[in-house]
Amino acid sequence: MAGLALLWGSAFLWIKLALDSGLTPFQIAFVRSALGAAVLLVLARAARRRLPRDRGTWAHLGVAALFCNALPFLLFGIGERTVDSGLAGVLHATTPLWSALIGFAIGTERGTHPVRLVGLLLGFAGTLVILAPWETTGLLSGGSLALLGASASYAVGFAYMGSRLTGRGTDPLALSAAQLVAATALSAPAALAGSTTHLDVSLRAVLAVAVLGIFSTGFTFYLSYRLIADEGATSAATVGYLLPVVSVALGAIVLDEELGARVIAGAAVVLAGVAATRWRKRPPSPSPSSSSLREDTAVQMTAGRNGSA
């Protein structure tokens, strides 16, 4: 999860660099999907993992690719045209909140303890503190709403992947490679339609989108699939705990971005809310006396059986 946070959290920096270097959101969404798919196809071939062949699985992969790849990739590019990369990472921390809300709605969340419900409300309250819609100079804008839409789309994609794709006998590496192939196909028409006849791309744009596609998309997506398969959709989404730390740090170090006190306070509230939604009531541990009693009983039963023999 820490490795995933580092790779995924740096994606906001690479998106910002690619946008500032002349690429459009449509082009970024297509190139990162294509490069990520290429990486995973190579890994799948090296591991001798075969891609799914039945139409039903590919239909599910198309839906998952739309919500977990093509749409959020585009929305993040649109959002970061007007929003700093650090703030983009902070707003992306709402993904676990959307995931928990979807889990409550469709009944996949285990229990609705009041602590978790309070955490859900707290997290969205923190988002309001960040955006400050009551201020004319607040951060509520089309870019911020696009970023929130991307986070919600990720949560929908995670839930769909967890219910329709993982745990059905297909290797996670093959699934992740196939899904990025589907995302590439979905992103291609928009990228071609939005391209211009004269494309002047700098070396920095090429390097930024290459790192974004290979590391922050290809390897990241494989790790995400592994987490969903091993821990479940909502648990996998909790990587959002760490993304703001990575994105804010890289934005400040590389791009000299600044975040105000309200944004920092709102981020703290969001993360506190996410932590509360992950709350689990621990089962009571057996008392020492009962454990000793069970052990003594087991010893006596074993001795009796030996004596009878």
C-alpha atoms as a PDB file:
ATOM      1  CA  MET A   1       0.000   0.000   0.000  1.00  0.00           C
ATOM      2  CA  ALA A   2       2.904   2.371   0.711  1.00  0.00           C
ATOM      3  CA  GLY A   3       4.411   1.641  -2.712  1.00  0.00           C
ATOM      4  CA  LEU A   4       1.041   2.221  -4.322  1.00  0.00           C
ATOM      5  CA  ALA A   5       0.655   5.549  -2.512  1.00  0.00           C
ATOM      6  CA  LEU A   6       4.066   6.762  -3.720  1.00  0.00           C
ATOM      7  CA  LEU A   7       3.403   5.816  -7.340  1.00  0.00           C
ATOM      8  CA  TRP A   8      -0.208   6.952  -7.349  1.00  0.00           C
ATOM      9  CA  GLY A   9       0.366  10.126  -5.340  1.00  0.00           C
ATOM     10  CA  SER A  10       3.033  11.317  -7.779  1.00  0.00           C
ATOM     11  CA  ALA A  11       0.553  11.044 -10.680  1.00  0.00           C
ATOM     12  CA  PHE A  12      -0.817  14.511  -9.901  1.00  0.00           C
ATOM     13  CA  LEU A  13       2.624  16.024 -10.374  1.00  0.00           C
ATOM     14  CA  TRP A  14       3.156  14.308 -13.741  1.00  0.00           C
ATOM     15  CA  ILE A  15      -0.295  15.365 -14.944  1.00  0.00           C
ATOM     16  CA  LYS A  16       0.441  18.980 -14.039  1.00  0.00           C
ATOM     17  CA  LEU A  17       3.821  18.893 -15.778  1.00  0.00           C
ATOM     18  CA  ALA A  18       2.295  17.354 -18.904  1.00  0.00           C
ATOM     19  CA  LEU A  19      -0.475  19.972 -19.003  1.00  0.00           C
ATOM     20  CA  ASP A  20       1.975  22.832 -18.519  1.00  0.00           C
ATOM     21  CA  SER A  21       4.094  21.392 -21.344  1.00  0.00           C
ATOM     22  CA  GLY A  22       1.331  21.512 -23.950  1.00  0.00           C
ATOM     23  CA  LEU A  23      -0.590  18.229 -23.768  1.00  0.00           C
ATOM     24  CA  THR A  24      -4.394  18.215 -23.490  1.00  0.00           C
ATOM     25  CA  PRO A  25      -6.401  16.206 -20.929  1.00  0.00           C
ATOM     26  CA  PHE A  26      -7.659  13.943 -23.727  1.00  0.00           C
ATOM     27  CA  GLN A  27      -4.134  13.208 -24.940  1.00  0.00           C
ATOM     28  CA  ILE A  28      -2.876  12.537 -21.413  1.00  0.00           C
ATOM     29  CA  ALA A  29      -5.749  10.137 -20.685  1.00  0.00           C
ATOM     30  CA  PHE A  30      -5.068   8.192 -23.887  1.00  0.00           C
ATOM     31  CA  VAL A  31      -1.265   8.051 -23.626  1.00  0.00           C
ATOM     32  CA  ARG A  32      -1.200   7.015 -19.960  1.00  0.00           C
ATOM     33  CA  SER A  33      -3.737   4.256 -20.654  1.00  0.00           C
ATOM     34  CA  ALA A  34      -1.759   3.028 -23.671  1.00  0.00           C
ATOM     35  CA  LEU A  35       1.592   3.036 -21.870  1.00  0.00           C
ATOM     36  CA  GLY A  36       0.110   1.409 -18.777  1.00  0.00           C
ATOM     37  CA  ALA A  37      -1.480  -1.280 -20.940  1.00  0.00           C
ATOM     38  CA  ALA A  38       1.828  -1.905 -22.715  1.00  0.00           C
ATOM     39  CA  VAL A  39       3.644  -2.386 -19.396  1.00  0.00           C
ATOM     40  CA  LEU A  40       1.065  -4.823 -18.075  1.00  0.00           C
ATOM     41  CA  LEU A  41       0.867  -6.760 -21.337  1.00  0.00           C
ATOM     42  CA  VAL A  42       4.637  -7.291 -21.206  1.00  0.00           C
ATOM     43  CA  LEU A  43       4.424  -8.414 -17.571  1.00  0.00           C
ATOM     44  CA  ALA A  44       1.496 -10.721 -18.328  1.00  0.00           C
ATOM     45  CA  ARG A  45       3.348 -12.306 -21.231  1.00  0.00           C
ATOM     46  CA  ALA A  46       6.491 -12.771 -19.152  1.00  0.00           C
ATOM     47  CA  ALA A  47       4.421 -14.443 -16.421  1.00  0.00           C
ATOM     48  CA  ARG A  48       2.506 -16.492 -19.017  1.00  0.00           C
ATOM     49  CA  ARG A  49      -0.833 -15.043 -17.955  1.00  0.00           C
ATOM     50  CA  ARG A  50      -3.495 -15.177 -20.659  1.00  0.00           C
ATOM     51  CA  LEU A  51      -5.989 -12.368 -21.109  1.00  0.00           C
ATOM     52  CA  PRO A  52      -9.693 -13.171 -20.708  1.00  0.00           C
ATOM     53  CA  ARG A  53     -11.386 -14.460 -23.855  1.00  0.00           C
ATOM     54  CA  ASP A  54     -15.082 -14.609 -23.025  1.00  0.00           C
ATOM     55  CA  ARG A  55     -17.341 -11.722 -24.007  1.00  0.00           C
ATOM     56  CA  GLY A  56     -18.952 -11.461 -20.602  1.00  0.00           C
ATOM     57  CA  THR A  57     -15.664 -10.684 -18.870  1.00  0.00           C
ATOM     58  CA  TRP A  58     -14.723  -8.140 -21.543  1.00  0.00           C
ATOM     59  CA  ALA A  59     -18.098  -6.448 -21.129  1.00  0.00           C
ATOM     60  CA  HIS A  60     -17.423  -6.080 -17.403  1.00  0.00           C
ATOM     61  CA  LEU A  61     -13.904  -4.875 -18.187  1.00  0.00           C
ATOM     62  CA  GLY A  62     -15.336  -2.175 -20.449  1.00  0.00           C
ATOM     63  CA  VAL A  63     -17.562  -0.838 -17.668  1.00  0.00           C
ATOM     64  CA  ALA A  64     -14.719  -0.955 -15.139  1.00  0.00           C
ATOM     65  CA  ALA A  65     -12.337   0.729 -17.598  1.00  0.00           C
ATOM     66  CA  LEU A  66     -14.800   3.571 -18.115  1.00  0.00           C
ATOM     67  CA  PHE A  67     -15.263   4.367 -14.421  1.00  0.00           C
ATOM     68  CA  CYS A  68     -11.807   3.456 -13.098  1.00  0.00           C
ATOM     69  CA  ASN A  69      -9.611   4.638 -15.978  1.00  0.00           C
ATOM     70  CA  ALA A  70     -10.906   6.540 -18.993  1.00  0.00           C
ATOM     71  CA  LEU A  71     -13.291   8.909 -17.173  1.00  0.00           C
ATOM     72  CA  PRO A  72     -11.187   9.753 -14.074  1.00  0.00           C
ATOM     73  CA  PHE A  73      -8.008  10.086 -16.172  1.00  0.00           C
ATOM     74  CA  LEU A  74      -9.787  12.700 -18.290  1.00  0.00           C
ATOM     75  CA  LEU A  75     -11.375  14.477 -15.325  1.00  0.00           C
ATOM     76  CA  PHE A  76      -8.053  14.747 -13.493  1.00  0.00           C
ATOM     77  CA  GLY A  77      -6.512  16.374 -16.551  1.00  0.00           C
ATOM     78  CA  ILE A  78      -9.404  18.818 -16.806  1.00  0.00           C
ATOM     79  CA  GLY A  79      -9.315  19.577 -13.078  1.00  0.00           C
ATOM     80  CA  GLU A  80      -5.586  20.220 -12.889  1.00  0.00           C
ATOM     81  CA  ARG A  81      -5.800  22.868 -15.575  1.00  0.00           C
ATOM     82  CA  THR A  82      -7.015  25.241 -12.858  1.00  0.00           C
ATOM     83  CA  VAL A  83      -6.170  23.410  -9.602  1.00  0.00           C
ATOM     84  CA  ASP A  84      -2.727  22.780  -8.087  1.00  0.00           C
ATOM     85  CA  SER A  85      -1.403  19.216  -8.045  1.00  0.00           C
ATOM     86  CA  GLY A  86      -1.239  19.181  -4.242  1.00  0.00           C
ATOM     87  CA  LEU A  87      -4.888  20.141  -3.889  1.00  0.00           C
ATOM     88  CA  ALA A  88      -5.795  17.542  -6.517  1.00  0.00           C
ATOM     89  CA  GLY A  89      -4.278  14.890  -4.266  1.00  0.00           C
ATOM     90  CA  VAL A  90      -6.184  16.261  -1.275  1.00  0.00           C
ATOM     91  CA  LEU A  91      -9.513  16.106  -3.129  1.00  0.00           C
ATOM     92  CA  HIS A  92      -8.678  12.608  -4.333  1.00  0.00           C
ATOM     93  CA  ALA A  93      -8.564  11.584  -0.668  1.00  0.00           C
ATOM     94  CA  THR A  94     -12.380  11.619  -0.805  1.00  0.00           C
ATOM     95  CA  THR A  95     -12.306   8.368  -2.824  1.00  0.00           C
ATOM     96  CA  PRO A  96     -12.567   6.154   0.310  1.00  0.00           C
ATOM     97  CA  LEU A  97     -15.542   8.253   1.441  1.00  0.00           C
ATOM     98  CA  TRP A  98     -17.334   7.747  -1.868  1.00  0.00           C
ATOM     99  CA  SER A  99     -16.423   4.055  -1.657  1.00  0.00           C
ATOM    100  CA  ALA A 100     -17.903   3.736   1.828  1.00  0.00           C
ATOM    101  CA  LEU A 101     -21.048   5.608   0.754  1.00  0.00           C
ATOM    102  CA  ILE A 102     -21.499   3.270  -2.225  1.00  0.00           C
ATOM    103  CA  GLY A 103     -20.863   0.275   0.039  1.00  0.00           C
ATOM    104  CA  PHE A 104     -23.578   1.423   2.426  1.00  0.00           C
ATOM    105  CA  ALA A 105     -25.979   2.009  -0.481  1.00  0.00           C
ATOM    106  CA  ILE A 106     -25.533  -1.395  -2.143  1.00  0.00           C
ATOM    107  CA  GLY A 107     -25.140  -3.345   1.085  1.00  0.00           C
ATOM    108  CA  THR A 108     -21.569  -4.529   0.683  1.00  0.00           C
ATOM    109  CA  GLU A 109     -20.320  -2.693   3.780  1.00  0.00           C
ATOM    110  CA  ARG A 110     -20.355  -4.865   6.878  1.00  0.00           C
ATOM    111  CA  GLY A 111     -22.383  -3.045   9.447  1.00  0.00           C
ATOM    112  CA  THR A 112     -23.311   0.610   9.757  1.00  0.00           C
ATOM    113  CA  HIS A 113     -21.842   1.437  13.134  1.00  0.00           C
ATOM    114  CA  PRO A 114     -22.479   5.046  14.237  1.00  0.00           C
ATOM    115  CA  VAL A 115     -18.733   5.727  14.309  1.00  0.00           C
ATOM    116  CA  ARG A 116     -18.474   4.906  10.618  1.00  0.00           C
ATOM    117  CA  LEU A 117     -21.512   6.998   9.723  1.00  0.00           C
ATOM    118  CA  VAL A 118     -20.089   9.950  11.635  1.00  0.00           C
ATOM    119  CA  GLY A 119     -16.813   9.446   9.787  1.00  0.00           C
ATOM    120  CA  LEU A 120     -18.623   9.615   6.457  1.00  0.00           C
ATOM    121  CA  LEU A 121     -20.303  12.893   7.387  1.00  0.00           C
ATOM    122  CA  LEU A 122     -17.052  14.232   8.813  1.00  0.00           C
ATOM    123  CA  GLY A 123     -15.177  13.474   5.623  1.00  0.00           C
ATOM    124  CA  PHE A 124     -17.604  15.325   3.403  1.00  0.00           C
ATOM    125  CA  ALA A 125     -17.675  18.203   5.887  1.00  0.00           C
ATOM    126  CA  GLY A 126     -13.908  18.435   5.503  1.00  0.00           C
ATOM    127  CA  THR A 127     -14.364  18.598   1.734  1.00  0.00           C
ATOM    128  CA  LEU A 128     -16.702  21.551   2.177  1.00  0.00           C
ATOM    129  CA  VAL A 129     -14.097  23.260   4.361  1.00  0.00           C
ATOM    130  CA  ILE A 130     -11.539  22.823   1.581  1.00  0.00           C
ATOM    131  CA  LEU A 131     -13.796  24.131  -1.198  1.00  0.00           C
ATOM    132  CA  ALA A 132     -15.416  26.911   0.894  1.00  0.00           C
ATOM    133  CA  PRO A 133     -18.473  27.464  -1.342  1.00  0.00           C
ATOM    134  CA  TRP A 134     -19.601  30.305   0.953  1.00  0.00           C
ATOM    135  CA  GLU A 135     -16.619  32.413  -0.084  1.00  0.00           C
ATOM    136  CA  THR A 136     -16.455  34.189  -3.435  1.00  0.00           C
ATOM    137  CA  THR A 137     -12.719  33.514  -3.440  1.00  0.00           C
ATOM    138  CA  GLY A 138     -13.104  29.866  -2.434  1.00  0.00           C
ATOM    139  CA  LEU A 139     -11.790  26.887  -4.343  1.00  0.00           C
ATOM    140  CA  LEU A 140     -15.212  25.766  -5.575  1.00  0.00           C
ATOM    141  CA  SER A 141     -14.824  25.743  -9.341  1.00  0.00           C
ATOM    142  CA  GLY A 142     -15.250  23.596 -12.388  1.00  0.00           C
ATOM    143  CA  GLY A 143     -11.776  22.169 -11.846  1.00  0.00           C
ATOM    144  CA  SER A 144     -12.472  21.184  -8.255  1.00  0.00           C
ATOM    145  CA  LEU A 145     -15.799  19.618  -9.195  1.00  0.00           C
ATOM    146  CA  ALA A 146     -14.050  17.657 -11.963  1.00  0.00           C
ATOM    147  CA  LEU A 147     -11.570  16.312  -9.412  1.00  0.00           C
ATOM    148  CA  LEU A 148     -14.372  15.300  -7.054  1.00  0.00           C
ATOM    149  CA  GLY A 149     -16.121  13.622  -9.967  1.00  0.00           C
ATOM    150  CA  ALA A 150     -12.939  11.694 -10.743  1.00  0.00           C
ATOM    151  CA  SER A 151     -12.687  10.508  -7.134  1.00  0.00           C
ATOM    152  CA  ALA A 152     -16.312   9.357  -7.131  1.00  0.00           C
ATOM    153  CA  SER A 153     -15.742   7.606 -10.457  1.00  0.00           C
ATOM    154  CA  TYR A 154     -12.785   5.716  -8.971  1.00  0.00           C
ATOM    155  CA  ALA A 155     -14.996   4.531  -6.114  1.00  0.00           C
ATOM    156  CA  VAL A 156     -17.648   3.286  -8.554  1.00  0.00           C
ATOM    157  CA  GLY A 157     -14.939   1.504 -10.539  1.00  0.00           C
ATOM    158  CA  PHE A 158     -13.462  -0.110  -7.436  1.00  0.00           C
ATOM    159  CA  ALA A 159     -16.881  -1.382  -6.327  1.00  0.00           C
ATOM    160  CA  TYR A 160     -17.644  -2.761  -9.783  1.00  0.00           C
ATOM    161  CA  MET A 161     -14.252  -4.463 -10.065  1.00  0.00           C
ATOM    162  CA  GLY A 162     -14.675  -6.015  -6.635  1.00  0.00           C
ATOM    163  CA  SER A 163     -18.149  -7.385  -7.413  1.00  0.00           C
ATOM    164  CA  ARG A 164     -17.797  -8.409 -11.075  1.00  0.00           C
ATOM    165  CA  LEU A 165     -14.141  -9.105 -11.846  1.00  0.00           C
ATOM    166  CA  THR A 166     -11.956 -10.096  -8.896  1.00  0.00           C
ATOM    167  CA  GLY A 167     -12.221 -13.426  -7.114  1.00  0.00           C
ATOM    168  CA  ARG A 168     -13.511 -15.275 -10.191  1.00  0.00           C
ATOM    169  CA  GLY A 169     -10.434 -17.273 -11.087  1.00  0.00           C
ATOM    170  CA  THR A 170      -8.764 -14.809 -13.473  1.00  0.00           C
ATOM    171  CA  ASP A 171      -5.280 -13.671 -12.513  1.00  0.00           C
ATOM    172  CA  PRO A 172      -5.110 -10.004 -11.328  1.00  0.00           C
ATOM    173  CA  LEU A 173      -2.246  -9.271 -13.722  1.00  0.00           C
ATOM    174  CA  ALA A 174      -4.269 -10.461 -16.707  1.00  0.00           C
ATOM    175  CA  LEU A 175      -7.319  -8.510 -15.537  1.00  0.00           C
ATOM    176  CA  SER A 176      -5.402  -5.271 -15.013  1.00  0.00           C
ATOM    177  CA  ALA A 177      -3.716  -5.574 -18.437  1.00  0.00           C
ATOM    178  CA  ALA A 178      -7.026  -6.272 -20.168  1.00  0.00           C
ATOM    179  CA  GLN A 179      -8.762  -3.397 -18.406  1.00  0.00           C
ATOM    180  CA  LEU A 180      -6.141  -0.877 -19.481  1.00  0.00           C
ATOM    181  CA  VAL A 181      -6.424  -2.194 -23.040  1.00  0.00           C
ATOM    182  CA  ALA A 182     -10.154  -1.450 -22.826  1.00  0.00           C
ATOM    183  CA  ALA A 183      -9.422   1.996 -21.342  1.00  0.00           C
ATOM    184  CA  THR A 184      -7.054   2.742 -24.233  1.00  0.00           C
ATOM    185  CA  ALA A 185      -9.778   1.878 -26.721  1.00  0.00           C
ATOM    186  CA  LEU A 186     -12.275   4.091 -24.885  1.00  0.00           C
ATOM    187  CA  SER A 187      -9.859   7.033 -24.704  1.00  0.00           C
ATOM    188  CA  ALA A 188      -8.644   6.873 -28.309  1.00  0.00           C
ATOM    189  CA  PRO A 189     -11.648   8.544 -30.065  1.00  0.00           C
ATOM    190  CA  ALA A 190     -11.644  11.554 -27.720  1.00  0.00           C
ATOM    191  CA  ALA A 191      -7.859  11.953 -28.009  1.00  0.00           C
ATOM    192  CA  LEU A 192      -8.015  11.875 -31.808  1.00  0.00           C
ATOM    193  CA  ALA A 193     -10.975  14.242 -31.936  1.00  0.00           C
ATOM    194  CA  GLY A 194      -9.311  16.706 -29.566  1.00  0.00           C
ATOM    195  CA  SER A 195      -5.889  16.695 -31.223  1.00  0.00           C
ATOM    196  CA  THR A 196      -4.648  19.580 -33.318  1.00  0.00           C
ATOM    197  CA  THR A 197      -2.909  19.496 -36.669  1.00  0.00           C
ATOM    198  CA  HIS A 198       0.259  21.024 -35.204  1.00  0.00           C
ATOM    199  CA  LEU A 199       1.465  19.371 -32.012  1.00  0.00           C
ATOM    200  CA  ASP A 200       4.470  20.947 -30.341  1.00  0.00           C
ATOM    201  CA  VAL A 201       5.432  18.682 -27.441  1.00  0.00           C
ATOM    202  CA  SER A 202       8.497  19.357 -25.311  1.00  0.00           C
ATOM    203  CA  LEU A 203      10.865  16.777 -23.890  1.00  0.00           C
ATOM    204  CA  ARG A 204       9.477  17.513 -20.421  1.00  0.00           C
ATOM    205  CA  ALA A 205       5.967  16.601 -21.610  1.00  0.00           C
ATOM    206  CA  VAL A 206       7.231  13.327 -23.068  1.00  0.00           C
ATOM    207  CA  LEU A 207       9.084  12.404 -19.881  1.00  0.00           C
ATOM    208  CA  ALA A 208       6.158  13.417 -17.650  1.00  0.00           C
ATOM    209  CA  VAL A 209       3.572  11.391 -19.554  1.00  0.00           C
ATOM    210  CA  ALA A 210       5.983   8.443 -19.872  1.00  0.00           C
ATOM    211  CA  VAL A 211       6.495   8.242 -16.093  1.00  0.00           C
ATOM    212  CA  LEU A 212       2.762   8.804 -15.608  1.00  0.00           C
ATOM    213  CA  GLY A 213       1.837   5.966 -17.942  1.00  0.00           C
ATOM    214  CA  ILE A 214       4.516   3.417 -17.036  1.00  0.00           C
ATOM    215  CA  PHE A 215       4.812   3.833 -13.277  1.00  0.00           C
ATOM    216  CA  SER A 216       1.798   5.837 -12.040  1.00  0.00           C
ATOM    217  CA  THR A 217      -0.638   3.927 -14.249  1.00  0.00           C
ATOM    218  CA  GLY A 218       0.766   0.523 -15.276  1.00  0.00           C
ATOM    219  CA  PHE A 219       2.428  -0.641 -12.075  1.00  0.00           C
ATOM    220  CA  THR A 220      -0.049   1.310  -9.940  1.00  0.00           C
ATOM    221  CA  PHE A 221      -3.055  -0.323 -11.537  1.00  0.00           C
ATOM    222  CA  TYR A 222      -1.638  -3.801 -11.052  1.00  0.00           C
ATOM    223  CA  LEU A 223      -1.050  -3.071  -7.352  1.00  0.00           C
ATOM    224  CA  SER A 224      -4.618  -1.716  -7.086  1.00  0.00           C
ATOM    225  CA  TYR A 225      -6.026  -4.938  -8.536  1.00  0.00           C
ATOM    226  CA  ARG A 226      -3.943  -6.969  -6.106  1.00  0.00           C
ATOM    227  CA  LEU A 227      -5.293  -4.955  -3.166  1.00  0.00           C
ATOM    228  CA  ILE A 228      -8.886  -5.256  -4.352  1.00  0.00           C
ATOM    229  CA  ALA A 229      -8.487  -9.014  -4.768  1.00  0.00           C
ATOM    230  CA  ASP A 230      -6.807  -9.446  -1.375  1.00  0.00           C
ATOM    231  CA  GLU A 231      -8.503  -6.843   0.812  1.00  0.00           C
ATOM    232  CA  GLY A 232     -11.738  -5.754  -0.914  1.00  0.00           C
ATOM    233  CA  ALA A 233     -12.747  -2.575  -2.756  1.00  0.00           C
ATOM    234  CA  THR A 234     -13.199  -0.282   0.241  1.00  0.00           C
ATOM    235  CA  SER A 235      -9.982  -1.372   1.906  1.00  0.00           C
ATOM    236  CA  ALA A 236      -8.100  -0.814  -1.343  1.00  0.00           C
ATOM    237  CA  ALA A 237      -9.546   2.683  -1.587  1.00  0.00           C
ATOM    238  CA  THR A 238      -8.036   3.571   1.795  1.00  0.00           C
ATOM    239  CA  VAL A 239      -4.748   4.188   0.023  1.00  0.00           C
ATOM    240  CA  GLY A 240      -6.285   7.661  -0.235  1.00  0.00           C
ATOM    241  CA  TYR A 241      -5.007   8.179   3.323  1.00  0.00           C
ATOM    242  CA  LEU A 242      -1.506   8.675   1.963  1.00  0.00           C
ATOM    243  CA  LEU A 243      -2.066  10.350  -1.410  1.00  0.00           C
ATOM    244  CA  PRO A 244      -2.458  13.910  -0.050  1.00  0.00           C
ATOM    245  CA  VAL A 245       0.848  13.634   1.795  1.00  0.00           C
ATOM    246  CA  VAL A 246       2.663  12.566  -1.377  1.00  0.00           C
ATOM    247  CA  SER A 247       0.930  15.035  -3.700  1.00  0.00           C
ATOM    248  CA  VAL A 248       1.328  18.030  -1.376  1.00  0.00           C
ATOM    249  CA  ALA A 249       4.987  17.241  -0.702  1.00  0.00           C
ATOM    250  CA  LEU A 250       5.839  16.845  -4.389  1.00  0.00           C
ATOM    251  CA  GLY A 251       3.817  19.913  -5.353  1.00  0.00           C
ATOM    252  CA  ALA A 252       5.660  22.024  -2.799  1.00  0.00           C
ATOM    253  CA  ILE A 253       9.112  20.643  -3.628  1.00  0.00           C
ATOM    254  CA  VAL A 254       8.912  20.512  -7.422  1.00  0.00           C
ATOM    255  CA  LEU A 255       6.297  23.124  -8.372  1.00  0.00           C
ATOM    256  CA  ASP A 256       6.615  25.494  -5.383  1.00  0.00           C
ATOM    257  CA  GLU A 257       2.886  25.226  -4.664  1.00  0.00           C
ATOM    258  CA  GLU A 258       1.382  26.625  -1.467  1.00  0.00           C
ATOM    259  CA  LEU A 259      -1.646  25.490   0.469  1.00  0.00           C
ATOM    260  CA  GLY A 260      -3.537  27.736   2.857  1.00  0.00           C
ATOM    261  CA  ALA A 261      -4.433  26.953   6.458  1.00  0.00           C
ATOM    262  CA  ARG A 262      -8.069  26.230   5.522  1.00  0.00           C
ATOM    263  CA  VAL A 263      -7.048  23.593   2.971  1.00  0.00           C
ATOM    264  CA  ILE A 264      -4.692  21.923   5.442  1.00  0.00           C
ATOM    265  CA  ALA A 265      -7.380  21.932   8.150  1.00  0.00           C
ATOM    266  CA  GLY A 266      -9.947  20.549   5.705  1.00  0.00           C
ATOM    267  CA  ALA A 267      -7.545  17.807   4.628  1.00  0.00           C
ATOM    268  CA  ALA A 268      -7.043  16.813   8.263  1.00  0.00           C
ATOM    269  CA  VAL A 269     -10.816  16.595   8.746  1.00  0.00           C
ATOM    270  CA  VAL A 270     -11.192  14.510   5.572  1.00  0.00           C
ATOM    271  CA  LEU A 271      -8.519  12.050   6.678  1.00  0.00           C
ATOM    272  CA  ALA A 272     -10.057  11.824  10.160  1.00  0.00           C
ATOM    273  CA  GLY A 273     -13.378  11.012   8.535  1.00  0.00           C
ATOM    274  CA  VAL A 274     -11.789   8.355   6.334  1.00  0.00           C
ATOM    275  CA  ALA A 275     -10.139   6.816   9.395  1.00  0.00           C
ATOM    276  CA  ALA A 276     -13.513   6.660  11.154  1.00  0.00           C
ATOM    277  CA  THR A 277     -15.176   4.950   8.183  1.00  0.00           C
ATOM    278  CA  ARG A 278     -12.581   2.188   8.452  1.00  0.00           C
ATOM    279  CA  TRP A 279     -13.395   1.602  12.142  1.00  0.00           C
ATOM    280  CA  ARG A 280     -14.009  -2.013  13.091  1.00  0.00           C
ATOM    281  CA  LYS A 281     -15.258  -3.327  16.420  1.00  0.00           C
ATOM    282  CA  ARG A 282     -12.780  -5.873  17.688  1.00  0.00           C
ATOM    283  CA  PRO A 283     -14.212  -9.140  18.968  1.00  0.00           C
ATOM    284  CA  PRO A 284     -13.737  -9.618  22.722  1.00  0.00           C
ATOM    285  CA  SER A 285     -10.628 -11.617  23.533  1.00  0.00           C
ATOM    286  CA  PRO A 286     -11.116 -14.679  25.744  1.00  0.00           C
ATOM    287  CA  SER A 287     -10.318 -14.178  29.407  1.00  0.00           C
ATOM    288  CA  PRO A 288      -7.250 -15.913  30.851  1.00  0.00           C
ATOM    289  CA  SER A 289      -9.408 -18.037  33.128  1.00  0.00           C
ATOM    290  CA  SER A 290     -11.551 -19.344  30.267  1.00  0.00           C
ATOM    291  CA  SER A 291      -8.451 -20.043  28.167  1.00  0.00           C
ATOM    292  CA  SER A 292      -6.873 -21.984  31.047  1.00  0.00           C
ATOM    293  CA  LEU A 293     -10.096 -23.892  31.591  1.00  0.00           C
ATOM    294  CA  ARG A 294     -10.219 -24.915  27.897  1.00  0.00           C
ATOM    295  CA  GLU A 295      -6.571 -25.968  27.988  1.00  0.00           C
ATOM    296  CA  ASP A 296      -7.073 -28.023  31.173  1.00  0.00           C
ATOM    297  CA  THR A 297     -10.151 -29.691  29.666  1.00  0.00           C
ATOM    298  CA  ALA A 298      -8.246 -30.545  26.485  1.00  0.00           C
ATOM    299  CA  VAL A 299      -5.374 -32.051  28.501  1.00  0.00           C
ATOM    300  CA  GLN A 300      -7.787 -34.129  30.591  1.00  0.00           C
ATOM    301  CA  MET A 301      -9.599 -35.380  27.478  1.00  0.00           C
ATOM    302  CA  THR A 302      -6.296 -36.323  25.825  1.00  0.00           C
ATOM    303  CA  ALA A 303      -5.111 -38.119  28.989  1.00  0.00           C
ATOM    304  CA  GLY A 304      -8.417 -39.997  29.198  1.00  0.00           C
ATOM    305  CA  ARG A 305      -8.176 -41.133  25.590  1.00  0.00           C
ATOM    306  CA  ASN A 306      -4.560 -42.267  26.134  1.00  0.00           C
ATOM    307  CA  GLY A 307      -5.494 -44.126  29.302  1.00  0.00           C
ATOM    308  CA  SER A 308      -8.355 -45.896  27.542  1.00  0.00           C
ATOM    309  CA  ALA A 309      -6.055 -46.931  24.755  1.00  0.00           C
END
